[in-house]
Amino acid sequence: MTVNDWLGVFFTVVVFIGMVYVYVMVFRPANRDKFEAQRGMALDDEDHINAGERK
């Protein structure tokens, strides 16, 4: 196998492990309150953008 093949295998394994970590973190019941608190964060930002445009 060439260096490019090994790099591809390495990055694939790293991404897989990262995805498993994120899935465990998100679906863990102990973290539910933390994620629920940030539930509407993207939608709440529009008020600040619109206020800046009015000036």
Protein backbone atom coordinates (compact mmCIF):
# COMPACT_ATOMS: atom_id res chain seq x y z
CA MET A 1 0.00 0.00 0.00
CA THR A 2 1.16 3.50 -0.75
CA VAL A 3 1.34 6.48 1.58
CA ASN A 4 -1.93 7.85 0.13
CA ASP A 5 -3.69 4.58 0.91
CA TRP A 6 -2.49 4.69 4.53
CA LEU A 7 -3.52 8.33 4.89
CA GLY A 8 -6.97 7.47 3.56
CA VAL A 9 -7.32 4.61 6.03
CA PHE A 10 -6.10 6.82 8.90
CA PHE A 11 -8.51 9.67 8.13
CA THR A 12 -11.41 7.26 7.64
CA VAL A 13 -10.79 5.69 11.04
CA VAL A 14 -10.40 9.11 12.71
CA VAL A 15 -13.67 10.38 11.20
CA PHE A 16 -15.47 7.18 12.22
CA ILE A 17 -14.25 7.47 15.80
CA GLY A 18 -15.22 11.15 15.86
CA MET A 19 -18.73 10.38 14.61
CA VAL A 20 -19.19 7.65 17.22
CA TYR A 21 -18.04 10.08 19.93
CA VAL A 22 -20.48 12.78 18.77
CA TYR A 23 -23.38 10.32 18.54
CA VAL A 24 -22.70 9.05 22.07
CA MET A 25 -22.40 12.61 23.38
CA VAL A 26 -25.64 13.76 21.71
CA PHE A 27 -27.79 10.77 22.59
CA ARG A 28 -26.57 10.44 26.18
CA PRO A 29 -29.44 11.30 28.53
CA ALA A 30 -27.14 13.20 30.90
CA ASN A 31 -26.39 15.78 28.19
CA ARG A 32 -30.01 16.39 27.23
CA ASP A 33 -30.42 19.59 29.25
CA LYS A 34 -27.26 21.12 27.79
CA PHE A 35 -28.43 20.57 24.21
CA GLU A 36 -32.03 21.60 24.92
CA ALA A 37 -30.74 24.94 26.27
CA GLN A 38 -29.14 25.64 22.86
CA ARG A 39 -32.11 24.42 20.85
CA GLY A 40 -33.17 27.74 19.33
CA MET A 41 -29.76 29.41 19.22
CA ALA A 42 -29.71 29.77 15.43
CA LEU A 43 -33.18 31.27 15.36
CA ASP A 44 -32.53 33.70 18.24
CA ASP A 45 -29.62 35.31 16.39
CA GLU A 46 -31.93 36.93 13.81
CA ASP A 47 -33.05 39.59 16.31
CA HIS A 48 -29.50 40.84 16.71
CA ILE A 49 -28.88 40.91 12.95
CA ASN A 50 -32.08 42.82 12.23
CA ALA A 51 -31.34 45.33 15.00
CA GLY A 52 -27.96 46.05 13.42
CA GLU A 53 -29.50 46.62 9.99
CA ARG A 54 -31.95 49.24 11.30
CA LYS A 55 -29.19 51.59 12.45
